[in-house]
């Protein structure tokens, strides 16, 4: 079975630690093409080195401005947490 690919936008990919994290992810290779880029909120286990998680799928991280991190991470989805939950906007005067 081919690996699925996901992407996610984060503030700093280098600062993410391996382990469990809640992320807003987009599936890049869904079975139904109409669901490509559909954002879901999920509890995941991620790893900087895909070789350490051979049964994991592929996760491409992007900085908030959209630039893709050069190396893929590994990801395993533990639990779907529902719809995408955006960060709260803070207005400053």
Protein backbone atom coordinates (compact mmCIF):
# COMPACT_ATOMS: atom_id res chain seq x y z
CA UNK A 1 0.00 0.00 0.00
CA UNK A 2 1.54 3.36 -0.98
CA UNK A 3 2.19 5.89 1.73
CA UNK A 4 -0.16 8.83 2.08
CA UNK A 5 1.26 12.33 2.00
CA UNK A 6 0.19 15.22 4.20
CA UNK A 7 1.30 18.79 4.75
CA UNK A 8 0.93 21.25 7.59
CA UNK A 9 1.79 24.88 8.25
CA UNK A 10 3.88 25.59 11.36
CA UNK A 11 5.82 28.54 12.77
CA UNK A 12 9.19 26.76 12.84
CA UNK A 13 9.67 23.17 11.61
CA UNK A 14 13.11 22.99 13.27
CA UNK A 15 11.56 23.64 16.67
CA UNK A 16 9.12 20.70 16.51
CA UNK A 17 10.10 17.81 18.76
CA UNK A 18 9.52 14.20 17.80
CA UNK A 19 6.48 12.72 19.52
CA UNK A 20 2.76 13.36 19.87
CA UNK A 21 1.33 16.68 18.73
CA UNK A 22 -2.01 18.11 17.62
CA UNK A 23 -1.76 19.48 14.06
CA UNK A 24 -3.98 20.86 11.35
CA UNK A 25 -3.06 18.62 8.40
CA UNK A 26 -4.03 18.52 4.74
CA UNK A 27 -4.06 15.22 2.87
CA UNK A 28 -2.25 15.53 -0.47
CA UNK A 29 -3.02 12.03 -1.77
CA UNK A 30 -6.65 11.19 -0.87
CA UNK A 31 -8.58 8.36 -2.50
CA UNK A 32 -11.18 10.92 -3.59
CA UNK A 33 -9.52 13.78 -5.50
CA UNK A 34 -12.25 16.19 -4.36
CA UNK A 35 -10.91 15.89 -0.80
CA UNK A 36 -7.38 16.99 -1.70
CA UNK A 37 -6.24 19.86 0.57
CA UNK A 38 -9.15 19.27 2.95
CA UNK A 39 -7.87 20.41 6.35
CA UNK A 40 -8.40 18.20 9.39
CA UNK A 41 -7.35 18.60 12.99
CA UNK A 42 -5.65 15.46 14.31
CA UNK A 43 -3.51 14.11 17.10
CA UNK A 44 -0.37 12.75 15.44
CA UNK A 45 2.99 11.23 16.19
CA UNK A 46 5.73 12.87 14.13
CA UNK A 47 9.38 12.05 13.61
CA UNK A 48 12.13 14.12 11.94
CA UNK A 49 13.69 10.97 10.49
CA UNK A 50 11.28 8.90 8.36
CA UNK A 51 13.64 5.90 8.63
CA UNK A 52 12.89 5.72 12.37
CA UNK A 53 9.16 5.34 11.60
CA UNK A 54 9.05 3.05 8.53
CA UNK A 55 5.31 2.37 8.86
CA UNK A 56 4.49 6.10 9.03
CA UNK A 57 3.19 8.28 6.23
CA UNK A 58 4.94 11.32 4.74
CA UNK A 59 4.52 14.79 6.26
CA UNK A 60 5.71 17.90 4.46
CA UNK A 61 5.95 20.91 6.73
CA UNK A 62 5.65 24.48 5.55
CA UNK A 63 6.46 27.74 7.23
CA UNK A 64 3.44 30.01 7.77
CA UNK A 65 4.25 31.93 4.59
CA UNK A 66 4.09 28.74 2.54
CA UNK A 67 7.73 27.87 1.91
CA UNK A 68 8.23 24.11 2.14
CA UNK A 69 10.75 22.63 4.57
CA UNK A 70 13.34 20.72 2.49
CA UNK A 71 13.10 17.34 4.25
CA UNK A 72 9.97 15.28 4.88
CA UNK A 73 8.95 14.10 8.33
CA UNK A 74 7.13 10.85 9.18
CA UNK A 75 3.61 10.99 10.60
CA UNK A 76 1.12 8.58 12.14
CA UNK A 77 -2.39 9.82 12.82
CA UNK A 78 -3.49 8.68 16.26
CA UNK A 79 -6.91 10.34 16.47
CA UNK A 80 -9.08 12.68 14.44
CA UNK A 81 -9.91 15.71 16.60
CA UNK A 82 -12.57 17.10 14.29
CA UNK A 83 -12.75 20.19 12.17
CA UNK A 84 -9.83 22.55 11.72
CA UNK A 85 -9.45 24.90 14.68
CA UNK A 86 -7.64 28.12 13.72
CA UNK A 87 -5.56 30.09 16.18
CA UNK A 88 -7.41 32.87 17.96
CA UNK A 89 -6.65 36.25 16.49
CA UNK A 90 -5.37 38.80 18.95
CA UNK A 91 -5.95 42.41 18.08
CA UNK A 92 -3.53 44.97 19.43
CA UNK A 93 -3.99 48.68 19.31
